[in-house]
C-alpha atoms as a PDB file:
ATOM      1  CA  MET A   1      -0.070   0.120  -0.168  1.00  0.00           C
ATOM      2  CA  SER A   2       1.548   3.387  -1.145  1.00  0.00           C
ATOM      3  CA  SER A   3       1.219   6.644   0.770  1.00  0.00           C
ATOM      4  CA  PHE A   4       0.280  10.225   0.372  1.00  0.00           C
ATOM      5  CA  SER A   5       1.340  13.435   2.345  1.00  0.00           C
ATOM      6  CA  ILE A   6      -0.600  16.280   3.455  1.00  0.00           C
ATOM      7  CA  ASN A   7       0.890  19.604   4.495  1.00  0.00           C
ATOM      8  CA  ILE A   8       0.111  20.790   8.059  1.00  0.00           C
ATOM      9  CA  THR A   9       0.511  24.569   7.856  1.00  0.00           C
ATOM     10  CA  HIS A  10      -1.415  25.669  11.009  1.00  0.00           C
ATOM     11  CA  ASN A  11      -1.596  24.920  14.810  1.00  0.00           C
ATOM     12  CA  PRO A  12      -5.181  24.196  15.637  1.00  0.00           C
ATOM     13  CA  ASN A  13      -7.275  27.019  16.197  1.00  0.00           C
ATOM     14  CA  LEU A  14     -11.117  26.568  16.865  1.00  0.00           C
ATOM     15  CA  GLU A  15     -11.972  30.422  16.275  1.00  0.00           C
ATOM     16  CA  GLU A  16     -10.490  30.461  12.883  1.00  0.00           C
ATOM     17  CA  LEU A  17     -12.063  27.015  11.927  1.00  0.00           C
ATOM     18  CA  LYS A  18     -15.284  28.530  12.865  1.00  0.00           C
ATOM     19  CA  ASP A  19     -14.709  31.199  10.533  1.00  0.00           C
ATOM     20  CA  SER A  20     -13.522  29.030   7.607  1.00  0.00           C
ATOM     21  CA  PHE A  21     -15.096  26.231   5.518  1.00  0.00           C
ATOM     22  CA  GLY A  22     -13.441  23.117   4.211  1.00  0.00           C
ATOM     23  CA  ILE A  23     -13.224  19.502   4.466  1.00  0.00           C
ATOM     24  CA  PHE A  24     -12.296  17.189   7.488  1.00  0.00           C
ATOM     25  CA  LEU A  25     -10.676  13.966   7.906  1.00  0.00           C
ATOM     26  CA  TYR A  26     -11.985  12.140  10.963  1.00  0.00           C
ATOM     27  CA  ARG A  27      -9.852   9.134  12.501  1.00  0.00           C
ATOM     28  CA  ALA A  28      -7.367  10.565   9.648  1.00  0.00           C
ATOM     29  CA  THR A  29      -5.092   7.797   9.928  1.00  0.00           C
ATOM     30  CA  ARG A  30      -7.452   5.013   9.580  1.00  0.00           C
ATOM     31  CA  ILE A  31      -8.009   3.139   6.275  1.00  0.00           C
ATOM     32  CA  PRO A  32     -10.146   4.559   5.301  1.00  0.00           C
ATOM     33  CA  PRO A  33     -10.561   7.965   6.734  1.00  0.00           C
ATOM     34  CA  HIS A  34     -14.102   9.633   7.540  1.00  0.00           C
ATOM     35  CA  LEU A  35     -14.497  12.934   5.266  1.00  0.00           C
ATOM     36  CA  GLY A  36     -16.968  15.734   5.900  1.00  0.00           C
ATOM     37  CA  TRP A  37     -17.738  19.534   5.347  1.00  0.00           C
ATOM     38  CA  PHE A  38     -17.080  22.072   8.084  1.00  0.00           C
ATOM     39  CA  ILE A  39     -18.958  25.634   7.540  1.00  0.00           C
ATOM     40  CA  ASN A  40     -20.095  28.350   9.781  1.00  0.00           C
ATOM     41  CA  GLY A  41     -19.196  26.716  12.788  1.00  0.00           C
ATOM     42  CA  LYS A  42     -21.379  23.519  11.877  1.00  0.00           C
ATOM     43  CA  ILE A  43     -20.286  19.874  10.572  1.00  0.00           C
ATOM     44  CA  TYR A  44     -21.982  18.178   7.666  1.00  0.00           C
ATOM     45  CA  ASP A  45     -21.453  14.619   6.559  1.00  0.00           C
ATOM     46  CA  ILE A  46     -22.817  11.259   5.425  1.00  0.00           C
ATOM     47  CA  THR A  47     -22.346   8.016   7.869  1.00  0.00           C
ATOM     48  CA  THR A  48     -23.646   4.603   7.824  1.00  0.00           C
ATOM     49  CA  VAL A  49     -26.682   5.683   9.921  1.00  0.00           C
ATOM     50  CA  GLY A  50     -27.387   8.643   7.914  1.00  0.00           C
ATOM     51  CA  PRO A  51     -26.707  12.434   7.576  1.00  0.00           C
ATOM     52  CA  THR A  52     -25.116  14.934  10.119  1.00  0.00           C
ATOM     53  CA  LEU A  53     -26.638  18.119   9.426  1.00  0.00           C
ATOM     54  CA  GLY A  54     -25.382  21.236  11.332  1.00  0.00           C
ATOM     55  CA  LEU A  55     -23.314  19.360  14.210  1.00  0.00           C
ATOM     56  CA  ASP A  56     -21.708  22.124  16.095  1.00  0.00           C
ATOM     57  CA  LEU A  57     -18.166  22.386  15.438  1.00  0.00           C
ATOM     58  CA  ALA A  58     -16.870  23.373  18.716  1.00  0.00           C
ATOM     59  CA  SER A  59     -18.516  20.412  20.435  1.00  0.00           C
ATOM     60  CA  PHE A  60     -16.766  18.204  17.586  1.00  0.00           C
ATOM     61  CA  TYR A  61     -13.688  19.988  18.201  1.00  0.00           C
ATOM     62  CA  GLN A  62     -13.637  19.657  22.105  1.00  0.00           C
ATOM     63  CA  THR A  63     -14.782  15.805  21.777  1.00  0.00           C
ATOM     64  CA  SER A  64     -11.883  15.172  19.452  1.00  0.00           C
ATOM     65  CA  VAL A  65      -9.488  16.890  21.523  1.00  0.00           C
ATOM     66  CA  LYS A  66     -10.869  14.986  24.789  1.00  0.00           C
ATOM     67  CA  ARG A  67     -11.061  11.244  23.151  1.00  0.00           C
ATOM     68  CA  LYS A  68      -7.628  12.421  21.385  1.00  0.00           C
ATOM     69  CA  MET A  69      -8.934  11.829  18.028  1.00  0.00           C
ATOM     70  CA  GLU A  70      -7.198  12.032  15.151  1.00  0.00           C
ATOM     71  CA  VAL A  71      -8.508  15.056  12.968  1.00  0.00           C
ATOM     72  CA  VAL A  72      -7.243  16.892   9.855  1.00  0.00           C
ATOM     73  CA  PHE A  73      -8.916  20.294   8.815  1.00  0.00           C
ATOM     74  CA  ILE A  74      -8.191  21.571   5.288  1.00  0.00           C
ATOM     75  CA  ALA A  75      -9.932  24.942   4.996  1.00  0.00           C
ATOM     76  CA  LEU A  76     -10.721  26.017   1.321  1.00  0.00           C
ATOM     77  CA  ASP A  77      -9.590  29.506  -0.163  1.00  0.00           C
ATOM     78  CA  GLU A  78     -12.982  31.132  -0.977  1.00  0.00           C
ATOM     79  CA  VAL A  79     -10.911  33.856  -3.104  1.00  0.00           C
ATOM     80  CA  LYS A  80     -10.126  31.268  -5.437  1.00  0.00           C
ATOM     81  CA  LEU A  81     -13.686  29.691  -5.703  1.00  0.00           C
ATOM     82  CA  THR A  82     -16.582  30.456  -7.582  1.00  0.00           C
ATOM     83  CA  ASN A  83     -20.546  30.262  -6.976  1.00  0.00           C
ATOM     84  CA  LEU A  84     -20.453  30.422  -3.226  1.00  0.00           C
ATOM     85  CA  VAL A  85     -23.778  31.654  -2.867  1.00  0.00           C
ATOM     86  CA  ASP A  86     -25.474  29.961  -0.406  1.00  0.00           C
ATOM     87  CA  LEU A  87     -22.751  27.455   0.007  1.00  0.00           C
ATOM     88  CA  GLU A  88     -23.854  26.121   3.519  1.00  0.00           C
ATOM     89  CA  THR A  89     -27.283  25.296   2.051  1.00  0.00           C
ATOM     90  CA  LYS A  90     -25.393  23.580  -1.105  1.00  0.00           C
ATOM     91  CA  ILE A  91     -23.559  21.442   1.428  1.00  0.00           C
ATOM     92  CA  GLU A  92     -26.836  20.508   3.398  1.00  0.00           C
ATOM     93  CA  THR A  93     -28.736  19.799   0.284  1.00  0.00           C
ATOM     94  CA  SER A  94     -25.898  17.469  -0.976  1.00  0.00           C
ATOM     95  CA  VAL A  95     -25.736  15.867   2.297  1.00  0.00           C
ATOM     96  CA  ARG A  96     -29.450  15.086   2.562  1.00  0.00           C
ATOM     97  CA  LYS A  97     -29.334  13.783  -1.252  1.00  0.00           C
ATOM     98  CA  HIS A  98     -26.535  11.266  -0.491  1.00  0.00           C
ATOM     99  CA  GLU A  99     -27.907  10.766   3.135  1.00  0.00           C
ATOM    100  CA  MET A 100     -25.927   7.625   3.942  1.00  0.00           C
ATOM    101  CA  VAL A 101     -22.579   5.937   3.168  1.00  0.00           C
ATOM    102  CA  SER A 102     -22.905   2.547   1.281  1.00  0.00           C
ATOM    103  CA  GLU A 103     -21.115  -0.002  -0.441  1.00  0.00           C
ATOM    104  CA  THR A 104     -21.450   2.116  -3.630  1.00  0.00           C
ATOM    105  CA  LYS A 105     -21.491   5.669  -2.135  1.00  0.00           C
ATOM    106  CA  SER A 106     -18.768   6.854   0.116  1.00  0.00           C
ATOM    107  CA  CYS A 107     -18.498  10.184   2.517  1.00  0.00           C
ATOM    108  CA  LEU A 108     -16.740  11.606  -0.157  1.00  0.00           C
ATOM    109  CA  ALA A 109     -19.825  11.976  -2.622  1.00  0.00           C
ATOM    110  CA  PRO A 110     -21.405  14.954  -1.230  1.00  0.00           C
ATOM    111  CA  ILE A 111     -17.824  16.655  -0.941  1.00  0.00           C
ATOM    112  CA  LEU A 112     -17.045  15.817  -4.805  1.00  0.00           C
ATOM    113  CA  GLU A 113     -20.693  17.109  -5.800  1.00  0.00           C
ATOM    114  CA  VAL A 114     -20.156  20.708  -4.137  1.00  0.00           C
ATOM    115  CA  LEU A 115     -16.841  20.972  -5.363  1.00  0.00           C
ATOM    116  CA  GLU A 116     -17.627  20.090  -8.939  1.00  0.00           C
ATOM    117  CA  GLU A 117     -20.232  23.288  -8.554  1.00  0.00           C
ATOM    118  CA  ILE A 118     -17.749  25.755  -6.999  1.00  0.00           C
ATOM    119  CA  SER A 119     -14.310  24.820  -8.596  1.00  0.00           C
ATOM    120  CA  SER A 120     -13.048  23.510 -11.634  1.00  0.00           C
ATOM    121  CA  ILE A 121     -13.174  20.129 -10.481  1.00  0.00           C
ATOM    122  CA  ASN A 122     -14.065  17.121 -12.699  1.00  0.00           C
ATOM    123  CA  SER A 123     -15.350  14.481 -10.076  1.00  0.00           C
ATOM    124  CA  SER A 124     -15.502  11.588 -12.557  1.00  0.00           C
ATOM    125  CA  GLN A 125     -11.552  11.671 -12.313  1.00  0.00           C
ATOM    126  CA  ILE A 126     -11.539  11.445  -8.642  1.00  0.00           C
ATOM    127  CA  GLN A 127     -12.507   8.373  -6.583  1.00  0.00           C
ATOM    128  CA  PHE A 128     -10.514   8.878  -3.124  1.00  0.00           C
ATOM    129  CA  PHE A 129      -9.208  11.552  -1.072  1.00  0.00           C
ATOM    130  CA  PHE A 130      -5.819  10.852  -2.313  1.00  0.00           C
ATOM    131  CA  ASP A 131      -7.191  11.636  -5.602  1.00  0.00           C
ATOM    132  CA  LEU A 132      -8.700  15.030  -4.525  1.00  0.00           C
ATOM    133  CA  TYR A 133      -5.854  16.254  -2.459  1.00  0.00           C
ATOM    134  CA  PRO A 134      -3.686  16.877  -5.120  1.00  0.00           C
ATOM    135  CA  PHE A 135      -6.142  18.685  -7.225  1.00  0.00           C
ATOM    136  CA  LEU A 136      -6.752  20.998  -4.084  1.00  0.00           C
ATOM    137  CA  MET A 137      -3.113  21.638  -3.956  1.00  0.00           C
ATOM    138  CA  SER A 138      -2.113  22.092  -7.643  1.00  0.00           C
ATOM    139  CA  ASN A 139      -5.151  24.573  -8.124  1.00  0.00           C
ATOM    140  CA  GLN A 140      -4.071  26.308  -4.754  1.00  0.00           C
ATOM    141  CA  LEU A 141      -7.657  25.940  -3.099  1.00  0.00           C
ATOM    142  CA  ILE A 142      -6.121  25.386   0.551  1.00  0.00           C
ATOM    143  CA  LYS A 143      -6.237  27.872   2.602  1.00  0.00           C
ATOM    144  CA  PHE A 144      -4.714  26.175   5.466  1.00  0.00           C
ATOM    145  CA  SER A 145      -4.553  22.822   7.112  1.00  0.00           C
ATOM    146  CA  SER A 146      -4.438  21.823  10.865  1.00  0.00           C
ATOM    147  CA  GLN A 147      -4.659  18.743  13.073  1.00  0.00           C
ATOM    148  CA  LEU A 148      -5.929  17.299  16.192  1.00  0.00           C
ATOM    149  CA  GLY A 149      -4.237  14.208  17.880  1.00  0.00           C
ATOM    150  CA  LEU A 150      -1.507  13.946  15.067  1.00  0.00           C
ATOM    151  CA  ASP A 151       1.579  15.879  16.595  1.00  0.00           C
ATOM    152  CA  ASN A 152       3.676  12.659  16.928  1.00  0.00           C
ATOM    153  CA  LYS A 153       2.986  11.614  13.477  1.00  0.00           C
ATOM    154  CA  LEU A 154       4.071  14.668  11.791  1.00  0.00           C
ATOM    155  CA  ILE A 155       7.364  14.973  10.109  1.00  0.00           C
ATOM    156  CA  GLU A 156       8.446  18.156   8.829  1.00  0.00           C
ATOM    157  CA  GLY A 157       5.054  19.611   8.883  1.00  0.00           C
ATOM    158  CA  LYS A 158       3.726  16.498   6.713  1.00  0.00           C
ATOM    159  CA  LEU A 159       1.363  13.775   7.834  1.00  0.00           C
ATOM    160  CA  ALA A 160       1.828  10.757   5.906  1.00  0.00           C
ATOM    161  CA  LEU A 161      -1.487   8.576   5.043  1.00  0.00           C
ATOM    162  CA  LYS A 162      -1.994   5.585   3.381  1.00  0.00           C
ATOM    163  CA  THR A 163      -3.899   4.936   0.186  1.00  0.00           C
ATOM    164  CA  TYR A 164      -6.877   2.703   0.266  1.00  0.00           C
ATOM    165  CA  THR A 165      -9.040   0.907  -2.389  1.00  0.00           C
ATOM    166  CA  GLN A 166     -12.680   0.399  -2.888  1.00  0.00           C
ATOM    167  CA  GLU A 167     -12.420  -2.890  -1.307  1.00  0.00           C
ATOM    168  CA  ASP A 168     -11.092  -1.113   1.991  1.00  0.00           C
ATOM    169  CA  ILE A 169     -14.116   0.878   2.245  1.00  0.00           C
ATOM    170  CA  LYS A 170     -16.524  -1.754   1.716  1.00  0.00           C
ATOM    171  CA  ASP A 171     -14.721  -3.961   4.640  1.00  0.00           C
ATOM    172  CA  CYS A 172     -14.908  -0.881   6.801  1.00  0.00           C
ATOM    173  CA  ILE A 173     -18.767  -0.439   6.137  1.00  0.00           C
ATOM    174  CA  ALA A 174     -19.158  -4.170   6.794  1.00  0.00           C
ATOM    175  CA  ALA A 175     -17.312  -4.048   9.995  1.00  0.00           C
ATOM    176  CA  ILE A 176     -19.390  -0.758  11.240  1.00  0.00           C
ATOM    177  CA  GLU A 177     -22.476  -2.757  10.444  1.00  0.00           C
ATOM    178  CA  ARG A 178     -21.188  -5.892  12.288  1.00  0.00           C
ATOM    179  CA  LYS A 179     -20.665  -3.781  15.299  1.00  0.00           C
ATOM    180  CA  SER A 180     -24.034  -1.953  15.013  1.00  0.00           C
ATOM    181  CA  ASN A 181     -25.732  -5.395  15.069  1.00  0.00           C
ATOM    182  CA  LEU A 182     -24.109  -6.538  17.950  1.00  0.00           C
ATOM    183  CA  VAL A 183     -24.866  -3.438  20.144  1.00  0.00           C
ATOM    184  CA  TYR A 184     -28.733  -4.011  19.411  1.00  0.00           C
END
């Protein structure tokens, strides 16, 4: 399995995150990581149990710090993007539309859908986050990136993450479903 690197440019700062919008990677070093949006101090994503719509970013941040969760925040540069009118509404609509992660739909789906509308991305060429990140970098769409719980994994400001396959995503979904069946 190969790897790719994410540049971490900022120390974590909740106030700066609340004033920004972008993509978060939750459980960033797991295969695959979970992805979602942060905007206007809220979190939006799709999971195996349904959508998260407007979860308080401060609560998510504080819980991540308390539980020592590995999170990467990639803030996007609004100046380099177009069609930002009602961006939060676009994100919420996309999350509602995609609703749940499944074997055929990953948590990347609402991210790609919105990015296709506000940038020059061609989502048909992107299957995984490690395909998306180089596009964001090469088009200078990243305003800053920060992390929680990953200090000991950074090397010269870079976080190395492993690539993954569609089979890895299916295995992860199956494991979550097995776990949830044991709980009930």
